[in-house]
Amino acid sequence: FAFHGDRDSVVPTAGTRDMVNAII
C-alpha cells in the first residue's frame, strides 16, 4: 500500500508510480 503526494518537491512521485506500474 504505497502513498506519494502528487506535488512532492523532495522525492519525485514518479519513483512510486514507476515501481507500482512495474509490479502491475
PDB file of all heavy atoms in Angstrom:
ATOM      1  N   PHE A   1       0.886  -1.162   0.000  1.00  0.00           N
ATOM      2  CA  PHE A   1       0.000   0.000   0.000  1.00  0.00           C
ATOM      3  C   PHE A   1       0.924   1.212   0.000  1.00  0.00           C
ATOM      4  O   PHE A   1       1.504   1.568   1.024  1.00  0.00           O
ATOM      5  CB  PHE A   1      -0.882  -0.007   1.239  1.00  0.00           C
ATOM      6  CG  PHE A   1      -2.133   0.823   1.146  1.00  0.00           C
ATOM      7  CD1 PHE A   1      -3.122   0.658   2.094  1.00  0.00           C
ATOM      8  CD2 PHE A   1      -2.339   1.764   0.152  1.00  0.00           C
ATOM      9  CE1 PHE A   1      -4.298   1.398   2.051  1.00  0.00           C
ATOM     10  CE2 PHE A   1      -3.503   2.513   0.095  1.00  0.00           C
ATOM     11  CZ  PHE A   1      -4.488   2.328   1.051  1.00  0.00           C
ATOM     12  N   ALA A   2       1.122   1.821  -1.157  1.00  0.00           N
ATOM     13  CA  ALA A   2       2.065   2.923  -1.306  1.00  0.00           C
ATOM     14  C   ALA A   2       1.324   4.259  -1.391  1.00  0.00           C
ATOM     15  O   ALA A   2       0.264   4.348  -1.996  1.00  0.00           O
ATOM     16  CB  ALA A   2       2.897   2.719  -2.568  1.00  0.00           C
ATOM     17  N   PHE A   3       1.922   5.266  -0.786  1.00  0.00           N
ATOM     18  CA  PHE A   3       1.386   6.626  -0.812  1.00  0.00           C
ATOM     19  C   PHE A   3       2.475   7.566  -1.309  1.00  0.00           C
ATOM     20  O   PHE A   3       3.654   7.382  -1.007  1.00  0.00           O
ATOM     21  CB  PHE A   3       0.972   7.081   0.594  1.00  0.00           C
ATOM     22  CG  PHE A   3      -0.165   6.320   1.184  1.00  0.00           C
ATOM     23  CD1 PHE A   3       0.049   5.136   1.873  1.00  0.00           C
ATOM     24  CD2 PHE A   3      -1.465   6.782   1.058  1.00  0.00           C
ATOM     25  CE1 PHE A   3      -0.999   4.430   2.435  1.00  0.00           C
ATOM     26  CE2 PHE A   3      -2.527   6.079   1.614  1.00  0.00           C
ATOM     27  CZ  PHE A   3      -2.292   4.910   2.310  1.00  0.00           C
ATOM     28  N   HIS A   4       2.063   8.585  -2.056  1.00  0.00           N
ATOM     29  CA  HIS A   4       3.009   9.616  -2.502  1.00  0.00           C
ATOM     30  C   HIS A   4       2.212  10.846  -2.918  1.00  0.00           C
ATOM     31  O   HIS A   4       1.210  10.721  -3.617  1.00  0.00           O
ATOM     32  CB  HIS A   4       3.824   9.109  -3.699  1.00  0.00           C
ATOM     33  CG  HIS A   4       5.197   9.689  -3.764  1.00  0.00           C
ATOM     34  ND1 HIS A   4       6.323   8.909  -3.874  1.00  0.00           N
ATOM     35  CD2 HIS A   4       5.634  10.974  -3.727  1.00  0.00           C
ATOM     36  CE1 HIS A   4       7.389   9.690  -3.917  1.00  0.00           C
ATOM     37  NE2 HIS A   4       6.995  10.945  -3.833  1.00  0.00           N
ATOM     38  N   GLY A   5       2.645  12.017  -2.495  1.00  0.00           N
ATOM     39  CA  GLY A   5       1.999  13.266  -2.888  1.00  0.00           C
ATOM     40  C   GLY A   5       2.273  13.570  -4.350  1.00  0.00           C
ATOM     41  O   GLY A   5       3.402  13.395  -4.829  1.00  0.00           O
ATOM     42  N   ASP A   6       1.257  14.047  -5.059  1.00  0.00           N
ATOM     43  CA  ASP A   6       1.425  14.331  -6.488  1.00  0.00           C
ATOM     44  C   ASP A   6       2.292  15.558  -6.754  1.00  0.00           C
ATOM     45  O   ASP A   6       2.738  15.769  -7.867  1.00  0.00           O
ATOM     46  CB  ASP A   6       0.061  14.478  -7.177  1.00  0.00           C
ATOM     47  CG  ASP A   6      -0.712  15.703  -6.731  1.00  0.00           C
ATOM     48  OD1 ASP A   6      -0.463  16.227  -5.615  1.00  0.00           O
ATOM     49  OD2 ASP A   6      -1.584  16.149  -7.493  1.00  0.00           O
ATOM     50  N   ARG A   7       2.553  16.352  -5.737  1.00  0.00           N
ATOM     51  CA  ARG A   7       3.377  17.560  -5.886  1.00  0.00           C
ATOM     52  C   ARG A   7       4.634  17.501  -5.027  1.00  0.00           C
ATOM     53  O   ARG A   7       5.143  18.529  -4.591  1.00  0.00           O
ATOM     54  CB  ARG A   7       2.547  18.792  -5.529  1.00  0.00           C
ATOM     55  CG  ARG A   7       1.376  18.999  -6.454  1.00  0.00           C
ATOM     56  CD  ARG A   7       0.608  20.233  -6.108  1.00  0.00           C
ATOM     57  NE  ARG A   7      -0.526  20.378  -7.029  1.00  0.00           N
ATOM     58  CZ  ARG A   7      -1.399  21.356  -6.967  1.00  0.00           C
ATOM     59  NH1 ARG A   7      -1.285  22.286  -6.036  1.00  0.00           N
ATOM     60  NH2 ARG A   7      -2.390  21.404  -7.826  1.00  0.00           N
ATOM     61  N   ASP A   8       5.137  16.310  -4.798  1.00  0.00           N
ATOM     62  CA  ASP A   8       6.302  16.129  -3.931  1.00  0.00           C
ATOM     63  C   ASP A   8       7.502  16.842  -4.522  1.00  0.00           C
ATOM     64  O   ASP A   8       7.920  16.549  -5.646  1.00  0.00           O
ATOM     65  CB  ASP A   8       6.590  14.639  -3.749  1.00  0.00           C
ATOM     66  CG  ASP A   8       7.516  14.347  -2.593  1.00  0.00           C
ATOM     67  OD1 ASP A   8       8.487  15.111  -2.389  1.00  0.00           O
ATOM     68  OD2 ASP A   8       7.285  13.360  -1.885  1.00  0.00           O
ATOM     69  N   SER A   9       8.072  17.762  -3.756  1.00  0.00           N
ATOM     70  CA  SER A   9       9.226  18.531  -4.215  1.00  0.00           C
ATOM     71  C   SER A   9      10.555  17.963  -3.696  1.00  0.00           C
ATOM     72  O   SER A   9      11.612  18.501  -3.999  1.00  0.00           O
ATOM     73  CB  SER A   9       9.084  19.992  -3.769  1.00  0.00           C
ATOM     74  OG  SER A   9       9.022  20.070  -2.347  1.00  0.00           O
ATOM     75  N   VAL A  10      10.492  16.883  -2.928  1.00  0.00           N
ATOM     76  CA  VAL A  10      11.700  16.286  -2.362  1.00  0.00           C
ATOM     77  C   VAL A  10      12.033  14.960  -3.048  1.00  0.00           C
ATOM     78  O   VAL A  10      13.163  14.741  -3.482  1.00  0.00           O
ATOM     79  CB  VAL A  10      11.545  16.081  -0.835  1.00  0.00           C
ATOM     80  CG1 VAL A  10      12.786  15.423  -0.242  1.00  0.00           C
ATOM     81  CG2 VAL A  10      11.254  17.409  -0.147  1.00  0.00           C
ATOM     82  N   VAL A  11      11.053  14.070  -3.116  1.00  0.00           N
ATOM     83  CA  VAL A  11      11.213  12.771  -3.776  1.00  0.00           C
ATOM     84  C   VAL A  11      10.210  12.719  -4.927  1.00  0.00           C
ATOM     85  O   VAL A  11       9.009  12.849  -4.700  1.00  0.00           O
ATOM     86  CB  VAL A  11      10.949  11.596  -2.800  1.00  0.00           C
ATOM     87  CG1 VAL A  11      11.024  10.263  -3.525  1.00  0.00           C
ATOM     88  CG2 VAL A  11      11.931  11.639  -1.631  1.00  0.00           C
ATOM     89  N   PRO A  12      10.658  12.549  -6.152  1.00  0.00           N
ATOM     90  CA  PRO A  12       9.729  12.551  -7.285  1.00  0.00           C
ATOM     91  C   PRO A  12       8.635  11.489  -7.150  1.00  0.00           C
ATOM     92  O   PRO A  12       8.923  10.329  -6.850  1.00  0.00           O
ATOM     93  CB  PRO A  12      10.619  12.250  -8.492  1.00  0.00           C
ATOM     94  CG  PRO A  12      12.002  12.601  -8.061  1.00  0.00           C
ATOM     95  CD  PRO A  12      12.053  12.346  -6.585  1.00  0.00           C
ATOM     96  N   THR A  13       7.413  11.906  -7.372  1.00  0.00           N
ATOM     97  CA  THR A  13       6.270  10.995  -7.330  1.00  0.00           C
ATOM     98  C   THR A  13       6.475   9.835  -8.295  1.00  0.00           C
ATOM     99  O   THR A  13       6.020   8.714  -8.045  1.00  0.00           O
ATOM    100  CB  THR A  13       4.974  11.759  -7.677  1.00  0.00           C
ATOM    101  OG1 THR A  13       4.917  12.921  -6.852  1.00  0.00           O
ATOM    102  CG2 THR A  13       3.748  10.911  -7.445  1.00  0.00           C
ATOM    103  N   ALA A  14       7.159  10.083  -9.371  1.00  0.00           N
ATOM    104  CA  ALA A  14       7.416   9.041 -10.375  1.00  0.00           C
ATOM    105  C   ALA A  14       8.123   7.838  -9.765  1.00  0.00           C
ATOM    106  O   ALA A  14       7.970   6.718 -10.258  1.00  0.00           O
ATOM    107  CB  ALA A  14       8.229   9.598 -11.526  1.00  0.00           C
ATOM    108  N   GLY A  15       8.881   8.021  -8.672  1.00  0.00           N
ATOM    109  CA  GLY A  15       9.570   6.897  -8.039  1.00  0.00           C
ATOM    110  C   GLY A  15       8.598   5.826  -7.568  1.00  0.00           C
ATOM    111  O   GLY A  15       8.825   4.638  -7.769  1.00  0.00           O
ATOM    112  N   THR A  16       7.508   6.243  -6.947  1.00  0.00           N
ATOM    113  CA  THR A  16       6.486   5.289  -6.510  1.00  0.00           C
ATOM    114  C   THR A  16       5.652   4.829  -7.694  1.00  0.00           C
ATOM    115  O   THR A  16       5.368   3.636  -7.848  1.00  0.00           O
ATOM    116  CB  THR A  16       5.578   5.915  -5.435  1.00  0.00           C
ATOM    117  OG1 THR A  16       6.385   6.258  -4.296  1.00  0.00           O
ATOM    118  CG2 THR A  16       4.476   4.970  -5.006  1.00  0.00           C
ATOM    119  N   ARG A  17       5.268   5.757  -8.528  1.00  0.00           N
ATOM    120  CA  ARG A  17       4.429   5.442  -9.691  1.00  0.00           C
ATOM    121  C   ARG A  17       5.124   4.407 -10.578  1.00  0.00           C
ATOM    122  O   ARG A  17       4.507   3.416 -10.986  1.00  0.00           O
ATOM    123  CB  ARG A  17       4.135   6.721 -10.471  1.00  0.00           C
ATOM    124  CG  ARG A  17       3.028   6.593 -11.486  1.00  0.00           C
ATOM    125  CD  ARG A  17       2.814   7.883 -12.260  1.00  0.00           C
ATOM    126  NE  ARG A  17       2.498   9.015 -11.424  1.00  0.00           N
ATOM    127  CZ  ARG A  17       3.166  10.174 -11.441  1.00  0.00           C
ATOM    128  NH1 ARG A  17       4.190  10.354 -12.257  1.00  0.00           N
ATOM    129  NH2 ARG A  17       2.806  11.163 -10.653  1.00  0.00           N
ATOM    130  N   ASP A  18       6.416   4.604 -10.859  1.00  0.00           N
ATOM    131  CA  ASP A  18       7.172   3.673 -11.701  1.00  0.00           C
ATOM    132  C   ASP A  18       7.208   2.278 -11.090  1.00  0.00           C
ATOM    133  O   ASP A  18       7.061   1.274 -11.793  1.00  0.00           O
ATOM    134  CB  ASP A  18       8.608   4.155 -11.904  1.00  0.00           C
ATOM    135  CG  ASP A  18       8.726   5.420 -12.733  1.00  0.00           C
ATOM    136  OD1 ASP A  18       7.729   5.824 -13.367  1.00  0.00           O
ATOM    137  OD2 ASP A  18       9.823   6.014 -12.727  1.00  0.00           O
ATOM    138  N   MET A  19       7.412   2.221  -9.780  1.00  0.00           N
ATOM    139  CA  MET A  19       7.527   0.928  -9.120  1.00  0.00           C
ATOM    140  C   MET A  19       6.204   0.174  -9.140  1.00  0.00           C
ATOM    141  O   MET A  19       6.171  -1.015  -9.477  1.00  0.00           O
ATOM    142  CB  MET A  19       8.009   1.127  -7.681  1.00  0.00           C
ATOM    143  CG  MET A  19       8.500  -0.116  -7.035  1.00  0.00           C
ATOM    144  SD  MET A  19       9.956  -0.769  -7.908  1.00  0.00           S
ATOM    145  CE  MET A  19       9.939  -2.431  -7.312  1.00  0.00           C
ATOM    146  N   VAL A  20       5.122   0.850  -8.790  1.00  0.00           N
ATOM    147  CA  VAL A  20       3.819   0.180  -8.776  1.00  0.00           C
ATOM    148  C   VAL A  20       3.423  -0.242 -10.191  1.00  0.00           C
ATOM    149  O   VAL A  20       2.946  -1.365 -10.401  1.00  0.00           O
ATOM    150  CB  VAL A  20       2.749   1.072  -8.122  1.00  0.00           C
ATOM    151  CG1 VAL A  20       1.355   0.480  -8.277  1.00  0.00           C
ATOM    152  CG2 VAL A  20       3.075   1.290  -6.640  1.00  0.00           C
ATOM    153  N   ASN A  21       3.662   0.613 -11.171  1.00  0.00           N
ATOM    154  CA  ASN A  21       3.349   0.233 -12.561  1.00  0.00           C
ATOM    155  C   ASN A  21       4.168  -0.963 -13.014  1.00  0.00           C
ATOM    156  O   ASN A  21       3.665  -1.828 -13.734  1.00  0.00           O
ATOM    157  CB  ASN A  21       3.554   1.421 -13.501  1.00  0.00           C
ATOM    158  CG  ASN A  21       2.486   2.472 -13.346  1.00  0.00           C
ATOM    159  OD1 ASN A  21       1.388   2.203 -12.852  1.00  0.00           O
ATOM    160  ND2 ASN A  21       2.785   3.693 -13.761  1.00  0.00           N
ATOM    161  N   ALA A  22       5.421  -1.044 -12.601  1.00  0.00           N
ATOM    162  CA  ALA A  22       6.271  -2.180 -12.961  1.00  0.00           C
ATOM    163  C   ALA A  22       5.754  -3.466 -12.319  1.00  0.00           C
ATOM    164  O   ALA A  22       5.768  -4.529 -12.946  1.00  0.00           O
ATOM    165  CB  ALA A  22       7.719  -1.908 -12.558  1.00  0.00           C
ATOM    166  N   ILE A  23       5.293  -3.385 -11.082  1.00  0.00           N
ATOM    167  CA  ILE A  23       4.733  -4.563 -10.400  1.00  0.00           C
ATOM    168  C   ILE A  23       3.484  -5.034 -11.133  1.00  0.00           C
ATOM    169  O   ILE A  23       3.319  -6.234 -11.398  1.00  0.00           O
ATOM    170  CB  ILE A  23       4.419  -4.241  -8.922  1.00  0.00           C
ATOM    171  CG1 ILE A  23       5.721  -4.006  -8.146  1.00  0.00           C
ATOM    172  CG2 ILE A  23       3.591  -5.357  -8.284  1.00  0.00           C
ATOM    173  CD1 ILE A  23       5.521  -3.398  -6.768  1.00  0.00           C
ATOM    174  N   ILE A  24       2.621  -4.112 -11.485  1.00  0.00           N
ATOM    175  CA  ILE A  24       1.394  -4.455 -12.218  1.00  0.00           C
ATOM    176  C   ILE A  24       1.732  -5.068 -13.578  1.00  0.00           C
ATOM    177  O   ILE A  24       1.129  -6.051 -14.002  1.00  0.00           O
ATOM    178  CB  ILE A  24       0.478  -3.222 -12.345  1.00  0.00           C
ATOM    179  CG1 ILE A  24      -0.048  -2.835 -10.955  1.00  0.00           C
ATOM    180  CG2 ILE A  24      -0.669  -3.483 -13.317  1.00  0.00           C
ATOM    181  CD1 ILE A  24      -0.717  -1.476 -10.902  1.00  0.00           C
TER     182      ILE A  24
END
